[in-house]
Every structure is written in C-alpha cells, then in structure tokens.
N, C-alpha and C. Protein backbone atom coordinates (compact mmCIF):
# COMPACT_ATOMS: atom_id res chain seq x y z
N MET A 1 -51.50 21.63 -87.70
CA MET A 1 -53.09 20.99 -88.22
C MET A 1 -53.17 19.38 -88.99
N PHE A 2 -52.05 18.85 -89.20
CA PHE A 2 -52.22 17.89 -89.84
C PHE A 2 -51.81 16.96 -88.46
N SER A 3 -50.84 16.94 -88.36
CA SER A 3 -50.45 15.91 -87.11
C SER A 3 -50.97 16.49 -85.61
N LYS A 4 -52.09 17.49 -85.88
CA LYS A 4 -51.85 18.07 -84.64
C LYS A 4 -53.09 16.67 -83.60
N LYS A 5 -52.70 16.92 -82.38
CA LYS A 5 -53.20 16.33 -80.93
C LYS A 5 -54.46 15.93 -80.25
N PRO A 6 -55.23 15.58 -80.86
CA PRO A 6 -56.82 16.29 -79.71
C PRO A 6 -56.99 16.78 -78.95
N GLY A 7 -57.69 17.58 -78.93
CA GLY A 7 -57.37 18.69 -77.85
C GLY A 7 -56.64 20.43 -78.09
N GLU A 8 -55.55 19.45 -78.92
CA GLU A 8 -53.84 21.13 -79.27
C GLU A 8 -55.09 21.32 -79.90
N SER A 9 -54.84 23.15 -79.88
CA SER A 9 -54.50 24.54 -80.39
C SER A 9 -53.37 24.11 -81.08
N PRO A 10 -53.59 25.34 -82.83
CA PRO A 10 -52.69 25.35 -83.01
C PRO A 10 -51.08 26.78 -83.03
N ASN A 11 -52.11 27.29 -81.61
CA ASN A 11 -51.05 28.38 -81.00
C ASN A 11 -49.84 27.46 -79.47
N SER A 12 -50.62 26.86 -79.03
CA SER A 12 -49.94 25.66 -77.90
C SER A 12 -49.00 24.51 -78.73
N ARG A 13 -49.15 24.40 -80.12
CA ARG A 13 -48.52 23.53 -81.12
C ARG A 13 -46.96 24.05 -81.09
N ALA A 14 -47.50 25.99 -81.23
CA ALA A 14 -45.71 26.96 -81.88
C ALA A 14 -45.55 27.06 -80.85
N ASN A 15 -46.00 26.57 -79.19
CA ASN A 15 -45.12 27.24 -77.85
C ASN A 15 -44.78 26.57 -76.93
N ASN A 16 -44.51 25.04 -77.43
CA ASN A 16 -44.38 23.31 -77.12
C ASN A 16 -42.98 23.68 -77.36
N PRO A 17 -41.91 23.90 -76.26
CA PRO A 17 -39.78 23.46 -76.50
C PRO A 17 -40.07 22.01 -77.47
N GLU A 18 -41.47 21.43 -76.89
CA GLU A 18 -40.64 19.98 -78.15
C GLU A 18 -40.42 19.89 -78.99
N ASN A 19 -41.17 20.96 -79.72
CA ASN A 19 -41.93 21.02 -81.49
C ASN A 19 -40.65 21.48 -81.36
N SER A 20 -39.08 21.30 -82.32
CA SER A 20 -38.07 22.11 -82.57
C SER A 20 -38.55 22.65 -84.11
N MET A 21 -38.96 22.47 -84.84
CA MET A 21 -39.12 22.67 -85.57
C MET A 21 -39.16 24.69 -85.33
N ALA A 22 -41.07 24.98 -84.22
CA ALA A 22 -41.66 26.20 -84.36
C ALA A 22 -40.24 26.32 -83.71
N SER A 23 -39.88 25.78 -82.50
CA SER A 23 -39.15 26.62 -81.53
C SER A 23 -37.96 27.38 -81.81
N ARG A 24 -37.59 26.77 -82.56
CA ARG A 24 -36.00 27.83 -83.35
C ARG A 24 -36.44 29.01 -82.67
N ASN A 25 -37.99 29.17 -83.24
CA ASN A 25 -37.32 31.14 -84.00
C ASN A 25 -39.27 31.65 -83.93
N GLY A 26 -39.41 30.62 -82.85
CA GLY A 26 -41.21 31.09 -83.08
C GLY A 26 -42.02 31.11 -84.01
N ASN A 27 -41.61 31.15 -85.26
CA ASN A 27 -41.98 30.48 -86.36
C ASN A 27 -41.84 29.17 -87.24
N SER A 28 -42.51 29.36 -88.51
CA SER A 28 -41.64 28.16 -89.67
C SER A 28 -40.70 28.01 -89.12
N THR A 29 -39.58 27.31 -90.13
CA THR A 29 -38.25 27.13 -89.85
C THR A 29 -37.97 26.91 -91.38
N PHE A 30 -39.00 26.48 -92.32
CA PHE A 30 -38.83 27.24 -94.27
C PHE A 30 -39.86 27.77 -94.51
N SER A 31 -40.09 27.58 -95.54
CA SER A 31 -40.95 28.06 -96.33
C SER A 31 -40.87 27.70 -98.08
N VAL A 32 -42.38 26.79 -98.37
CA VAL A 32 -42.26 26.23 -99.89
C VAL A 32 -42.56 26.34 -100.59
N ILE A 33 -42.09 27.08 -101.62
CA ILE A 33 -42.66 27.37 -103.63
C ILE A 33 -43.26 26.43 -103.86
N GLY A 34 -44.25 26.10 -104.09
CA GLY A 34 -44.72 25.17 -105.01
C GLY A 34 -44.49 24.92 -106.46
N SER A 35 -44.81 23.40 -106.58
CA SER A 35 -44.53 23.40 -108.02
C SER A 35 -45.49 24.21 -108.87
N ASP A 36 -47.15 25.11 -108.46
CA ASP A 36 -47.92 25.57 -109.07
C ASP A 36 -47.60 27.19 -109.59
N VAL A 37 -46.27 27.69 -108.16
CA VAL A 37 -46.07 29.08 -108.21
C VAL A 37 -45.11 29.72 -109.44
N SER A 38 -44.98 30.27 -109.39
CA SER A 38 -43.98 31.18 -110.48
C SER A 38 -43.73 32.51 -109.77
N ILE A 39 -42.42 32.73 -109.44
CA ILE A 39 -42.52 34.43 -109.53
C ILE A 39 -41.52 34.71 -110.08
N LYS A 40 -41.65 36.84 -110.33
CA LYS A 40 -40.55 37.42 -111.13
C LYS A 40 -40.68 38.02 -110.55
N GLY A 41 -39.02 38.04 -109.66
CA GLY A 41 -38.01 39.25 -108.65
C GLY A 41 -37.22 38.47 -107.52
N ASP A 42 -36.80 38.53 -107.10
CA ASP A 42 -35.39 38.66 -105.74
C ASP A 42 -36.32 38.24 -104.99
N VAL A 43 -35.75 36.49 -104.16
CA VAL A 43 -36.43 35.57 -103.41
C VAL A 43 -35.23 36.11 -101.98
N THR A 44 -35.82 36.59 -100.50
CA THR A 44 -35.04 36.67 -99.55
C THR A 44 -35.70 36.29 -98.39
N ALA A 45 -35.22 34.74 -97.84
CA ALA A 45 -35.43 34.46 -96.88
C ALA A 45 -34.62 34.26 -95.68
N SER A 46 -34.71 34.61 -94.47
CA SER A 46 -33.82 34.46 -93.26
C SER A 46 -34.36 33.35 -93.10
N ALA A 47 -34.63 31.78 -94.06
CA ALA A 47 -34.37 30.49 -93.01
C ALA A 47 -34.17 29.87 -94.38
N ASP A 48 -34.65 28.26 -94.05
CA ASP A 48 -34.85 27.83 -95.62
C ASP A 48 -35.92 28.05 -96.59
N LEU A 49 -35.59 27.39 -97.74
CA LEU A 49 -36.81 28.08 -98.41
C LEU A 49 -36.72 26.65 -99.46
N HIS A 50 -38.21 25.70 -99.66
CA HIS A 50 -37.97 24.19 -100.62
C HIS A 50 -38.59 24.92 -101.65
N VAL A 51 -38.27 25.12 -103.77
CA VAL A 51 -38.65 25.71 -104.16
C VAL A 51 -39.38 24.32 -105.13
N ASP A 52 -40.27 24.59 -105.41
CA ASP A 52 -40.44 23.06 -106.66
C ASP A 52 -40.99 23.92 -107.59
N GLY A 53 -41.16 25.41 -108.23
CA GLY A 53 -41.77 26.22 -108.76
C GLY A 53 -40.69 26.85 -109.54
N SER A 54 -40.89 27.94 -109.87
CA SER A 54 -39.95 28.69 -110.60
C SER A 54 -40.02 30.02 -109.85
N ILE A 55 -38.68 30.60 -109.76
CA ILE A 55 -38.31 31.11 -109.72
C ILE A 55 -37.54 32.08 -110.76
N GLU A 56 -38.16 33.54 -111.49
CA GLU A 56 -37.41 33.93 -112.29
C GLU A 56 -36.84 35.53 -111.66
N GLY A 57 -35.17 35.09 -110.74
CA GLY A 57 -34.77 36.76 -109.62
C GLY A 57 -33.86 35.69 -109.57
N ASP A 58 -33.10 37.00 -108.46
CA ASP A 58 -32.19 36.16 -107.64
C ASP A 58 -32.60 35.86 -106.31
N ILE A 59 -31.80 34.36 -105.63
CA ILE A 59 -32.29 34.10 -104.70
C ILE A 59 -31.42 33.75 -103.54
N SER A 60 -31.45 34.48 -102.55
CA SER A 60 -30.76 34.52 -100.71
C SER A 60 -31.50 34.12 -99.61
N CYS A 61 -30.55 32.62 -99.42
CA CYS A 61 -31.55 32.12 -98.32
C CYS A 61 -30.24 31.20 -97.01
N ALA A 62 -31.00 31.01 -95.65
CA ALA A 62 -29.72 30.43 -95.58
C ALA A 62 -29.83 29.32 -96.41
N ALA A 63 -30.38 28.33 -95.57
CA ALA A 63 -30.18 26.52 -97.54
C ALA A 63 -31.66 26.60 -98.52
N LEU A 64 -31.21 26.18 -98.91
CA LEU A 64 -32.18 25.82 -100.61
C LEU A 64 -31.50 24.48 -100.83
N VAL A 65 -33.60 23.86 -101.11
CA VAL A 65 -33.38 22.35 -101.78
C VAL A 65 -34.18 22.89 -102.93
N GLN A 66 -33.46 22.43 -103.62
CA GLN A 66 -34.66 22.51 -105.15
C GLN A 66 -35.27 21.76 -105.58
N GLY A 67 -36.58 21.55 -105.75
CA GLY A 67 -36.98 19.55 -106.55
C GLY A 67 -36.75 19.35 -108.03
N GLU A 68 -37.19 18.97 -108.41
CA GLU A 68 -36.85 18.36 -109.82
C GLU A 68 -37.16 18.50 -110.95
N THR A 69 -38.45 18.92 -110.93
CA THR A 69 -39.09 19.99 -111.77
C THR A 69 -39.46 21.77 -111.27
N SER A 70 -37.89 22.00 -110.78
CA SER A 70 -38.14 23.30 -110.27
C SER A 70 -36.93 24.14 -111.07
N THR A 71 -37.02 25.60 -111.91
CA THR A 71 -36.99 26.16 -112.62
C THR A 71 -36.18 27.79 -111.95
N ILE A 72 -34.92 27.51 -111.70
CA ILE A 72 -34.63 29.44 -111.19
C ILE A 72 -33.62 30.12 -112.18
N THR A 73 -34.16 30.99 -112.48
CA THR A 73 -32.76 31.92 -113.91
C THR A 73 -32.57 33.01 -112.86
N GLY A 74 -31.52 32.70 -112.46
CA GLY A 74 -31.19 33.52 -111.13
C GLY A 74 -29.42 33.86 -110.15
N LYS A 75 -29.47 34.66 -109.77
CA LYS A 75 -27.76 34.58 -109.55
C LYS A 75 -28.86 33.83 -107.73
N ILE A 76 -27.88 32.74 -106.46
CA ILE A 76 -27.92 32.16 -105.81
C ILE A 76 -27.12 32.14 -105.14
N GLU A 77 -27.54 32.68 -103.62
CA GLU A 77 -26.24 33.10 -102.11
C GLU A 77 -27.53 31.74 -101.12
N ALA A 78 -26.12 30.86 -100.65
CA ALA A 78 -26.82 30.22 -99.64
C ALA A 78 -26.28 29.70 -98.87
N GLN A 79 -26.20 29.30 -97.34
CA GLN A 79 -25.26 28.53 -97.10
C GLN A 79 -25.18 27.58 -97.41
N SER A 80 -26.61 26.60 -97.26
CA SER A 80 -26.19 24.98 -97.41
C SER A 80 -27.19 25.25 -99.45
N ALA A 81 -26.79 24.15 -100.47
CA ALA A 81 -27.77 24.62 -101.44
C ALA A 81 -27.89 22.94 -101.37
N ARG A 82 -29.01 22.76 -101.93
CA ARG A 82 -29.55 20.87 -102.63
C ARG A 82 -29.63 21.29 -103.87
N LEU A 83 -29.04 21.09 -105.62
CA LEU A 83 -30.39 21.41 -106.09
C LEU A 83 -30.47 20.06 -107.06
N ALA A 84 -31.80 19.86 -107.45
CA ALA A 84 -32.59 18.82 -108.36
C ALA A 84 -33.13 19.14 -109.69
N GLY A 85 -33.25 20.47 -109.49
CA GLY A 85 -33.99 20.71 -110.98
C GLY A 85 -32.77 21.93 -112.09
N LYS A 86 -33.16 22.97 -112.58
CA LYS A 86 -32.61 23.81 -113.65
C LYS A 86 -31.75 24.97 -113.45
N VAL A 87 -31.15 25.22 -113.34
CA VAL A 87 -31.09 26.77 -112.43
C VAL A 87 -29.58 27.47 -114.35
N SER A 88 -30.27 28.23 -113.61
CA SER A 88 -29.47 29.57 -115.09
C SER A 88 -29.33 31.13 -114.23
N GLY A 89 -27.56 30.35 -114.04
CA GLY A 89 -27.52 31.19 -113.21
C GLY A 89 -26.12 31.17 -112.22
N SER A 90 -25.43 32.46 -112.01
CA SER A 90 -24.53 31.87 -111.19
C SER A 90 -24.66 31.22 -109.27
N ILE A 91 -23.78 30.41 -108.77
CA ILE A 91 -24.30 29.81 -107.60
C ILE A 91 -23.23 30.56 -106.41
N ARG A 92 -23.06 30.47 -105.47
CA ARG A 92 -22.31 30.65 -103.96
C ARG A 92 -22.99 30.12 -103.28
N ALA A 93 -22.45 29.05 -102.26
CA ALA A 93 -22.63 28.23 -101.11
C ALA A 93 -21.37 27.48 -100.48
N ARG A 94 -21.64 27.75 -98.84
CA ARG A 94 -20.04 27.06 -98.11
C ARG A 94 -20.86 25.34 -98.42
N GLU A 95 -22.13 25.02 -98.75
CA GLU A 95 -22.13 23.03 -98.85
C GLU A 95 -22.53 22.91 -100.13
N LEU A 96 -22.58 22.70 -101.13
CA LEU A 96 -24.02 22.86 -101.96
C LEU A 96 -23.61 21.44 -102.44
N VAL A 97 -24.76 20.41 -103.06
CA VAL A 97 -24.89 19.30 -103.85
C VAL A 97 -25.65 19.04 -104.32
N VAL A 98 -25.42 18.81 -105.74
CA VAL A 98 -25.97 18.69 -106.90
C VAL A 98 -25.95 17.39 -107.50
N LEU A 99 -26.86 17.27 -106.99
CA LEU A 99 -27.22 15.63 -107.45
C LEU A 99 -28.44 15.75 -109.03
N ARG A 100 -28.29 13.96 -109.52
CA ARG A 100 -27.46 13.82 -111.30
C ARG A 100 -28.38 13.83 -111.64
N SER A 101 -30.04 15.13 -110.97
CA SER A 101 -31.59 15.52 -112.38
C SER A 101 -31.16 16.51 -112.56
N ALA A 102 -29.97 17.59 -111.80
CA ALA A 102 -29.95 18.70 -112.07
C ALA A 102 -29.34 19.53 -113.28
N ARG A 103 -29.41 20.42 -113.63
CA ARG A 103 -28.88 20.90 -115.31
C ARG A 103 -28.08 22.63 -114.69
N ILE A 104 -26.95 22.76 -115.06
CA ILE A 104 -26.89 24.27 -114.20
C ILE A 104 -25.46 25.04 -115.22
N GLU A 105 -26.45 26.00 -115.43
CA GLU A 105 -25.89 26.58 -116.72
C GLU A 105 -25.31 28.08 -115.57
N GLY A 106 -23.86 28.48 -115.46
CA GLY A 106 -23.31 29.20 -114.62
C GLY A 106 -22.29 29.17 -113.97
N ASP A 107 -21.61 29.83 -113.59
CA ASP A 107 -20.89 29.61 -112.51
C ASP A 107 -20.92 29.69 -110.87
N VAL A 108 -20.31 29.13 -110.18
CA VAL A 108 -20.00 28.18 -108.66
C VAL A 108 -19.55 28.18 -108.24
N SER A 109 -19.71 28.69 -107.05
CA SER A 109 -18.37 28.65 -105.87
C SER A 109 -19.03 28.50 -104.68
N TYR A 110 -18.16 27.88 -103.65
CA TYR A 110 -18.12 26.76 -102.91
C TYR A 110 -17.70 26.05 -101.61
N ASP A 111 -17.67 26.23 -100.48
CA ASP A 111 -16.71 25.89 -99.58
C ASP A 111 -16.30 23.94 -99.34
N ALA A 112 -17.98 23.57 -100.07
CA ALA A 112 -17.28 21.94 -100.31
C ALA A 112 -18.87 21.68 -101.24
N LEU A 113 -17.83 20.52 -101.96
CA LEU A 113 -18.90 19.80 -103.50
C LEU A 113 -19.04 18.96 -103.28
N THR A 114 -20.18 18.06 -103.13
CA THR A 114 -20.77 16.49 -103.80
C THR A 114 -22.37 17.18 -105.50
N ILE A 115 -21.34 16.44 -106.19
CA ILE A 115 -22.02 16.07 -107.76
C ILE A 115 -22.06 14.70 -107.56
N GLU A 116 -23.22 14.50 -107.62
CA GLU A 116 -23.64 12.95 -108.11
C GLU A 116 -23.72 12.39 -109.62
N GLN A 117 -22.80 11.73 -109.50
CA GLN A 117 -22.84 11.37 -111.34
C GLN A 117 -24.46 10.85 -112.71
N GLY A 118 -24.11 12.09 -113.47
CA GLY A 118 -25.17 12.21 -113.81
C GLY A 118 -25.25 13.41 -114.00
N ALA A 119 -25.51 14.68 -112.88
CA ALA A 119 -25.43 16.22 -113.02
C ALA A 119 -25.10 17.16 -113.91
N HIS A 120 -25.52 17.41 -114.49
CA HIS A 120 -25.22 18.29 -115.93
C HIS A 120 -24.22 19.43 -115.61
N VAL A 121 -23.68 20.40 -115.17
CA VAL A 121 -23.14 21.96 -115.49
C VAL A 121 -22.27 21.92 -116.09
N GLU A 122 -22.79 23.36 -117.31
CA GLU A 122 -21.83 24.03 -117.53
C GLU A 122 -21.45 25.51 -117.12
N GLY A 123 -20.35 25.81 -116.74
CA GLY A 123 -19.71 27.29 -116.01
C GLY A 123 -18.59 26.22 -115.29
N HIS A 124 -17.85 27.59 -114.63
CA HIS A 124 -16.47 26.97 -114.08
C HIS A 124 -17.01 26.96 -112.53
N PHE A 125 -16.30 26.49 -111.36
CA PHE A 125 -15.96 26.07 -109.77
C PHE A 125 -14.74 25.98 -109.72
N ALA A 126 -15.38 26.88 -109.16
CA ALA A 126 -14.11 28.26 -107.60
C ALA A 126 -14.52 27.65 -106.76
N HIS A 127 -13.12 27.76 -105.63
CA HIS A 127 -13.34 26.83 -104.27
C HIS A 127 -13.77 28.93 -103.21
N ASN A 128 -14.50 29.03 -103.00
CA ASN A 128 -14.40 29.48 -102.17
C ASN A 128 -13.26 30.85 -102.20
N ALA A 129 -12.21 30.10 -101.26
CA ALA A 129 -11.31 30.88 -100.94
C ALA A 129 -10.41 31.27 -102.20
N ALA A 130 -11.11 30.27 -103.31
CA ALA A 130 -9.15 30.95 -104.21
C ALA A 130 -10.46 32.14 -105.11
N SER A 131 -11.94 32.03 -105.59
CA SER A 131 -12.95 33.09 -105.79
C SER A 131 -12.41 34.85 -105.19
N THR A 132 -12.06 34.23 -104.17
CA THR A 132 -12.04 36.03 -103.13
C THR A 132 -11.14 36.46 -102.51
N GLN A 133 -9.84 35.80 -103.09
CA GLN A 133 -8.24 35.88 -103.74
C GLN A 133 -8.01 36.42 -105.61
N ALA A 134 -9.17 36.00 -106.13
CA ALA A 134 -8.79 36.59 -107.08
C ALA A 134 -9.51 37.89 -106.82
N ARG A 135 -10.74 37.69 -106.95
CA ARG A 135 -11.44 39.49 -106.34
C ARG A 135 -10.27 40.32 -105.72
N ALA A 136 -10.25 40.07 -104.63
CA ALA A 136 -8.68 40.89 -103.88
C ALA A 136 -7.99 41.43 -104.21
N ALA A 137 -6.72 40.43 -105.57
CA ALA A 137 -6.10 40.57 -106.45
C ALA A 137 -6.18 41.59 -107.67
N GLN A 138 -7.77 41.42 -107.91
CA GLN A 138 -7.97 42.14 -109.02
C GLN A 138 -8.42 43.68 -108.34
N THR A 139 -8.75 43.76 -107.02
CA THR A 139 -9.40 45.51 -106.28
C THR A 139 -7.53 45.69 -105.49
N ALA A 140 -7.00 45.29 -105.83
CA ALA A 140 -5.34 45.43 -104.96
C ALA A 140 -5.07 47.11 -105.97
N THR A 141 -4.69 47.69 -104.64
CA THR A 141 -3.57 49.15 -105.53
C THR A 141 -2.33 49.26 -105.48
N VAL A 142 -1.82 50.24 -106.22
CA VAL A 142 -1.05 50.27 -106.62
C VAL A 142 -0.25 50.30 -105.20
N SER A 143 1.39 50.18 -105.37
CA SER A 143 1.92 50.87 -104.51
C SER A 143 1.89 51.91 -103.72
N PRO A 144 2.80 52.43 -102.48
CA PRO A 144 1.90 53.80 -101.78
C PRO A 144 2.65 54.99 -102.82
N THR A 145 3.91 54.56 -103.07
CA THR A 145 4.74 55.88 -103.77
C THR A 145 4.19 55.92 -104.93
N ALA A 146 3.55 55.12 -105.91
CA ALA A 146 2.70 55.47 -107.43
C ALA A 146 1.34 56.45 -106.77
N GLU A 147 0.79 55.97 -105.34
CA GLU A 147 -0.61 56.91 -105.25
C GLU A 147 0.17 58.54 -104.93
N ALA A 148 1.06 58.58 -104.15
CA ALA A 148 1.28 60.14 -104.19
C ALA A 148 0.99 60.90 -105.38
N LYS A 149 1.57 60.57 -106.44
CA LYS A 149 1.34 61.19 -107.24
C LYS A 149 0.51 61.12 -108.85
N PRO A 150 -0.57 61.60 -109.38
CA PRO A 150 -1.27 61.61 -110.14
C PRO A 150 -0.42 60.85 -111.05
N ALA A 151 -1.53 59.38 -112.31
CA ALA A 151 -1.03 58.63 -112.61
C ALA A 151 -1.83 59.63 -114.11
N SER A 152 -0.50 58.88 -114.99
CA SER A 152 -1.07 59.96 -116.43
C SER A 152 -1.97 58.59 -117.29
N PRO A 153 -2.73 59.03 -117.64
CA PRO A 153 -3.40 58.08 -118.60
C PRO A 153 -2.21 56.59 -119.36
N ASP A 154 -1.68 57.40 -120.00
CA ASP A 154 -0.50 56.54 -120.25
C ASP A 154 0.42 55.64 -119.90
N GLU A 155 0.31 55.92 -118.64
CA GLU A 155 0.92 54.57 -117.38
C GLU A 155 0.32 53.43 -117.71
N PRO A 156 1.49 52.81 -117.49
CA PRO A 156 0.96 51.51 -116.86
C PRO A 156 0.57 51.66 -115.28
N LYS A 157 -0.36 50.73 -114.66
CA LYS A 157 -1.17 50.47 -113.93
C LYS A 157 -0.63 49.39 -113.37
N LEU A 158 -0.23 48.95 -111.96
CA LEU A 158 -0.03 47.78 -111.76
C LEU A 158 -0.65 47.45 -110.45
N HIS A 159 -0.98 45.84 -110.99
CA HIS A 159 -1.78 45.10 -109.90
C HIS A 159 -1.47 43.81 -108.18
N LEU A 160 -0.98 44.07 -107.82
CA LEU A 160 -0.57 42.41 -107.18
C LEU A 160 -2.09 41.74 -106.70
N ALA A 161 -1.12 40.66 -107.41
CA ALA A 161 -1.77 39.08 -107.34
C ALA A 161 -1.51 38.36 -106.03
N SER A 162 -2.03 38.05 -105.51
CA SER A 162 -1.61 36.91 -104.19
C SER A 162 -1.55 36.03 -104.23
C-alpha cells in the first residue's frame, strides 16, 4: 500500500518471494492492535502480535510486543514477549524482555529474561524448568502399594518432590 512500486499490484507484492514478511505464511506475519482499540475477550494469534491498545482477556501468540501506553489485564503466553506497558496477570514466555516503562503485576515464568533498569514488577519470577518441576511435584502420585488399597480420609497422603 505505502511502499508499492509503480505498476505493482497488491497481489503481486504478496506473492513475491523477495518479500520475506509476506512469503513466510502467504499472509501477514504480524497483527497490530492500535492505541485506539480496546478488546474485552481472549486474543489468540498464530503469528506475532503488536499491542498499543488495551486488552481485557488472555493472550496467546508466537511473539508479543507491547507498546508503552498499552494495558493488558489477563494471562500472557508467548514464545517471546517484549513488554513496555502495564500488565496485570501472569506471564509465561520463553524469551522475555521487560523494558523500563513496563509495570507488571503478576507472576512471571521464563527461559531467558532481560529486565531494564527502572522496570517495575510485583510478582514472583520462576524459570520455566523450575515451575515445571513444581507442577510435577504437586501432581506426583503416592507409592504403588498405597494405590492398591483405597486410602481412608484420615490417612496421610505422600507427595513426591523432585
């Protein structure tokens, strides 16, 4: 639309293998939620998502970029996330970058983490491997001999921690 060469149709641009953004999936590789947009409900994107507006709901996407004026109230799950606005909710990302303008209220789990000086986070940080082990420990079953007979309500239960 804006970077079109003279005589080039919109369809020829999308089908051009030199245009790497359009050629990955045959369509746009990111979606933008503008600063004037407010969404109530969950947002799922198979590609990248750039949020400048406000979302009241859970977000699941490949990569999330949050603008400074953006607010997100809900859970975030992404392969990578670059946060600069306000988030109220848990965050789970493999690669997480928290910029100095970010204000986060919620628990954060990550594989790789970068936090700029000045960022504000109220919550717990946990490496994804550690949080996976904690969940496994909570769901561990009792020993096989104890499972063979029904346990009485007064009998203590054994949970294995790893």
